[in-house]
């Protein structure tokens, strides 16, 4: 009697792999002009940061919004020593210019 060598069981073939799914998400281009308008128009009512929210920079928009309100509170307190009547309009104009330009540029970079 010959000793038969043990054979390994046959390995079943691997199941066919599913084709990879590619998801394409459409992100429309945001307008820098609309972002600037969303900064300027509410800015007349002491609300800044909405243009950044539109551009997709949520954290930046919220920082500008709450930061300006905190700065306005400090300027309000400074009005009691009359320097706030100078610093508050200067801060408002600076925020109006800087926030609208950065919101418009944020749309270009995305």
C-alpha atoms as a PDB file:
ATOM      1  CA  UNK A   1       0.000   0.000   0.000  1.00  0.00           C
ATOM      2  CA  UNK A   2       1.254   3.347  -0.976  1.00  0.00           C
ATOM      3  CA  UNK A   3       0.984   6.176   1.341  1.00  0.00           C
ATOM      4  CA  UNK A   4      -0.959   8.798  -0.452  1.00  0.00           C
ATOM      5  CA  UNK A   5       0.047  12.350   0.125  1.00  0.00           C
ATOM      6  CA  UNK A   6      -2.725  14.380   1.621  1.00  0.00           C
ATOM      7  CA  UNK A   7      -4.161  16.981  -0.724  1.00  0.00           C
ATOM      8  CA  UNK A   8      -5.539  20.269   0.339  1.00  0.00           C
ATOM      9  CA  UNK A   9      -9.130  21.037  -0.434  1.00  0.00           C
ATOM     10  CA  UNK A  10      -9.674  23.258  -3.435  1.00  0.00           C
ATOM     11  CA  UNK A  11      -9.999  26.956  -2.645  1.00  0.00           C
ATOM     12  CA  UNK A  12     -13.234  28.356  -3.975  1.00  0.00           C
ATOM     13  CA  UNK A  13     -12.806  31.270  -6.372  1.00  0.00           C
ATOM     14  CA  UNK A  14     -13.222  34.751  -4.928  1.00  0.00           C
ATOM     15  CA  UNK A  15     -16.543  36.386  -5.680  1.00  0.00           C
ATOM     16  CA  UNK A  16     -16.366  39.048  -8.349  1.00  0.00           C
ATOM     17  CA  UNK A  17     -15.697  42.453  -6.841  1.00  0.00           C
ATOM     18  CA  UNK A  18     -18.373  45.069  -7.164  1.00  0.00           C
ATOM     19  CA  UNK A  19     -17.483  48.018  -9.339  1.00  0.00           C
ATOM     20  CA  UNK A  20     -16.407  51.047  -7.359  1.00  0.00           C
ATOM     21  CA  UNK A  21     -18.966  53.760  -7.146  1.00  0.00           C
ATOM     22  CA  UNK A  22     -17.798  57.278  -7.788  1.00  0.00           C
ATOM     23  CA  UNK A  23     -19.868  60.061  -6.316  1.00  0.00           C
ATOM     24  CA  UNK A  24     -19.716  63.425  -7.995  1.00  0.00           C
ATOM     25  CA  UNK A  25     -21.084  66.267  -5.948  1.00  0.00           C
ATOM     26  CA  UNK A  26     -21.971  69.473  -7.712  1.00  0.00           C
ATOM     27  CA  UNK A  27     -20.819  72.607  -5.919  1.00  0.00           C
ATOM     28  CA  UNK A  28     -21.988  75.681  -7.767  1.00  0.00           C
ATOM     29  CA  UNK A  29     -19.543  78.543  -7.971  1.00  0.00           C
ATOM     30  CA  UNK A  30     -20.353  81.210  -5.394  1.00  0.00           C
ATOM     31  CA  UNK A  31     -20.402  84.825  -6.531  1.00  0.00           C
ATOM     32  CA  UNK A  32     -17.955  87.184  -4.868  1.00  0.00           C
ATOM     33  CA  UNK A  33     -20.270  90.125  -5.550  1.00  0.00           C
ATOM     34  CA  UNK A  34     -23.158  88.502  -3.721  1.00  0.00           C
ATOM     35  CA  UNK A  35     -20.871  87.648  -0.804  1.00  0.00           C
ATOM     36  CA  UNK A  36     -19.746  91.288  -0.626  1.00  0.00           C
ATOM     37  CA  UNK A  37     -23.369  92.494  -0.734  1.00  0.00           C
ATOM     38  CA  UNK A  38     -24.267  90.062   2.043  1.00  0.00           C
ATOM     39  CA  UNK A  39     -21.572  91.706   4.128  1.00  0.00           C
ATOM     40  CA  UNK A  40     -22.394  95.327   3.283  1.00  0.00           C
ATOM     41  CA  UNK A  41     -26.198  95.388   3.383  1.00  0.00           C
ATOM     42  CA  UNK A  42     -26.638  93.737   6.811  1.00  0.00           C
ATOM     43  CA  UNK A  43     -23.587  95.723   7.928  1.00  0.00           C
ATOM     44  CA  UNK A  44     -25.734  98.848   7.905  1.00  0.00           C
ATOM     45  CA  UNK A  45     -27.670  97.152  10.733  1.00  0.00           C
ATOM     46  CA  UNK A  46     -24.502  96.152  12.651  1.00  0.00           C
ATOM     47  CA  UNK A  47     -24.582  92.515  11.428  1.00  0.00           C
ATOM     48  CA  UNK A  48     -21.445  91.263   9.713  1.00  0.00           C
ATOM     49  CA  UNK A  49     -20.307  87.778   8.705  1.00  0.00           C
ATOM     50  CA  UNK A  50     -23.259  86.701   6.550  1.00  0.00           C
ATOM     51  CA  UNK A  51     -21.183  86.933   3.366  1.00  0.00           C
ATOM     52  CA  UNK A  52     -18.660  84.544   4.865  1.00  0.00           C
ATOM     53  CA  UNK A  53     -21.445  82.148   5.782  1.00  0.00           C
ATOM     54  CA  UNK A  54     -22.614  82.293   2.152  1.00  0.00           C
ATOM     55  CA  UNK A  55     -19.064  81.657   0.915  1.00  0.00           C
ATOM     56  CA  UNK A  56     -18.797  78.539   3.079  1.00  0.00           C
ATOM     57  CA  UNK A  57     -16.525  79.927   5.799  1.00  0.00           C
ATOM     58  CA  UNK A  58     -18.882  79.330   8.699  1.00  0.00           C
ATOM     59  CA  UNK A  59     -16.295  79.667  11.463  1.00  0.00           C
ATOM     60  CA  UNK A  60     -14.903  82.880   9.997  1.00  0.00           C
ATOM     61  CA  UNK A  61     -18.382  84.324   9.595  1.00  0.00           C
ATOM     62  CA  UNK A  62     -19.331  83.570  13.181  1.00  0.00           C
ATOM     63  CA  UNK A  63     -16.046  84.967  14.487  1.00  0.00           C
ATOM     64  CA  UNK A  64     -16.596  88.196  12.567  1.00  0.00           C
ATOM     65  CA  UNK A  65     -20.222  88.420  13.692  1.00  0.00           C
ATOM     66  CA  UNK A  66     -19.674  87.872  17.412  1.00  0.00           C
ATOM     67  CA  UNK A  67     -16.315  89.625  17.404  1.00  0.00           C
ATOM     68  CA  UNK A  68     -17.838  92.776  15.961  1.00  0.00           C
ATOM     69  CA  UNK A  69     -20.628  92.690  18.534  1.00  0.00           C
ATOM     70  CA  UNK A  70     -18.071  92.363  21.345  1.00  0.00           C
ATOM     71  CA  UNK A  71     -16.085  95.244  19.875  1.00  0.00           C
ATOM     72  CA  UNK A  72     -19.271  97.301  19.616  1.00  0.00           C
ATOM     73  CA  UNK A  73     -19.992  96.675  23.275  1.00  0.00           C
ATOM     74  CA  UNK A  74     -16.519  97.941  24.196  1.00  0.00           C
ATOM     75  CA  UNK A  75     -17.042 100.993  21.977  1.00  0.00           C
ATOM     76  CA  UNK A  76     -20.416 101.589  23.635  1.00  0.00           C
ATOM     77  CA  UNK A  77     -18.708 101.644  27.000  1.00  0.00           C
ATOM     78  CA  UNK A  78     -16.073 103.990  25.596  1.00  0.00           C
ATOM     79  CA  UNK A  79     -18.843 106.397  24.601  1.00  0.00           C
ATOM     80  CA  UNK A  80     -19.160 107.264  28.299  1.00  0.00           C
ATOM     81  CA  UNK A  81     -15.688 108.800  28.118  1.00  0.00           C
ATOM     82  CA  UNK A  82     -16.439 110.241  24.655  1.00  0.00           C
ATOM     83  CA  UNK A  83     -13.666 108.362  22.815  1.00  0.00           C
ATOM     84  CA  UNK A  84     -16.229 105.773  21.707  1.00  0.00           C
ATOM     85  CA  UNK A  85     -17.864 108.368  19.452  1.00  0.00           C
ATOM     86  CA  UNK A  86     -14.662 108.273  17.398  1.00  0.00           C
ATOM     87  CA  UNK A  87     -13.672 104.617  17.676  1.00  0.00           C
ATOM     88  CA  UNK A  88     -17.093 103.079  16.991  1.00  0.00           C
ATOM     89  CA  UNK A  89     -17.540 104.608  13.494  1.00  0.00           C
ATOM     90  CA  UNK A  90     -13.916 103.835  12.639  1.00  0.00           C
ATOM     91  CA  UNK A  91     -14.371 100.184  13.638  1.00  0.00           C
ATOM     92  CA  UNK A  92     -17.619 100.006  11.662  1.00  0.00           C
ATOM     93  CA  UNK A  93     -15.997 101.379   8.480  1.00  0.00           C
ATOM     94  CA  UNK A  94     -12.973  99.101   8.861  1.00  0.00           C
ATOM     95  CA  UNK A  95     -15.179  96.051   9.384  1.00  0.00           C
ATOM     96  CA  UNK A  96     -17.371  97.041   6.436  1.00  0.00           C
ATOM     97  CA  UNK A  97     -14.377  97.213   4.095  1.00  0.00           C
ATOM     98  CA  UNK A  98     -12.308  94.294   5.381  1.00  0.00           C
ATOM     99  CA  UNK A  99     -15.139  91.791   5.793  1.00  0.00           C
ATOM    100  CA  UNK A 100     -16.625  92.451   2.357  1.00  0.00           C
ATOM    101  CA  UNK A 101     -13.258  92.106   0.625  1.00  0.00           C
ATOM    102  CA  UNK A 102     -12.367  88.897   2.445  1.00  0.00           C
ATOM    103  CA  UNK A 103     -15.824  87.407   1.753  1.00  0.00           C
ATOM    104  CA  UNK A 104     -15.459  88.148  -1.957  1.00  0.00           C
ATOM    105  CA  UNK A 105     -11.984  86.610  -1.996  1.00  0.00           C
ATOM    106  CA  UNK A 106     -13.243  83.540  -0.129  1.00  0.00           C
ATOM    107  CA  UNK A 107     -15.591  82.795  -3.025  1.00  0.00           C
ATOM    108  CA  UNK A 108     -12.743  82.962  -5.533  1.00  0.00           C
ATOM    109  CA  UNK A 109     -10.565  80.541  -3.584  1.00  0.00           C
ATOM    110  CA  UNK A 110     -13.216  77.812  -3.411  1.00  0.00           C
END
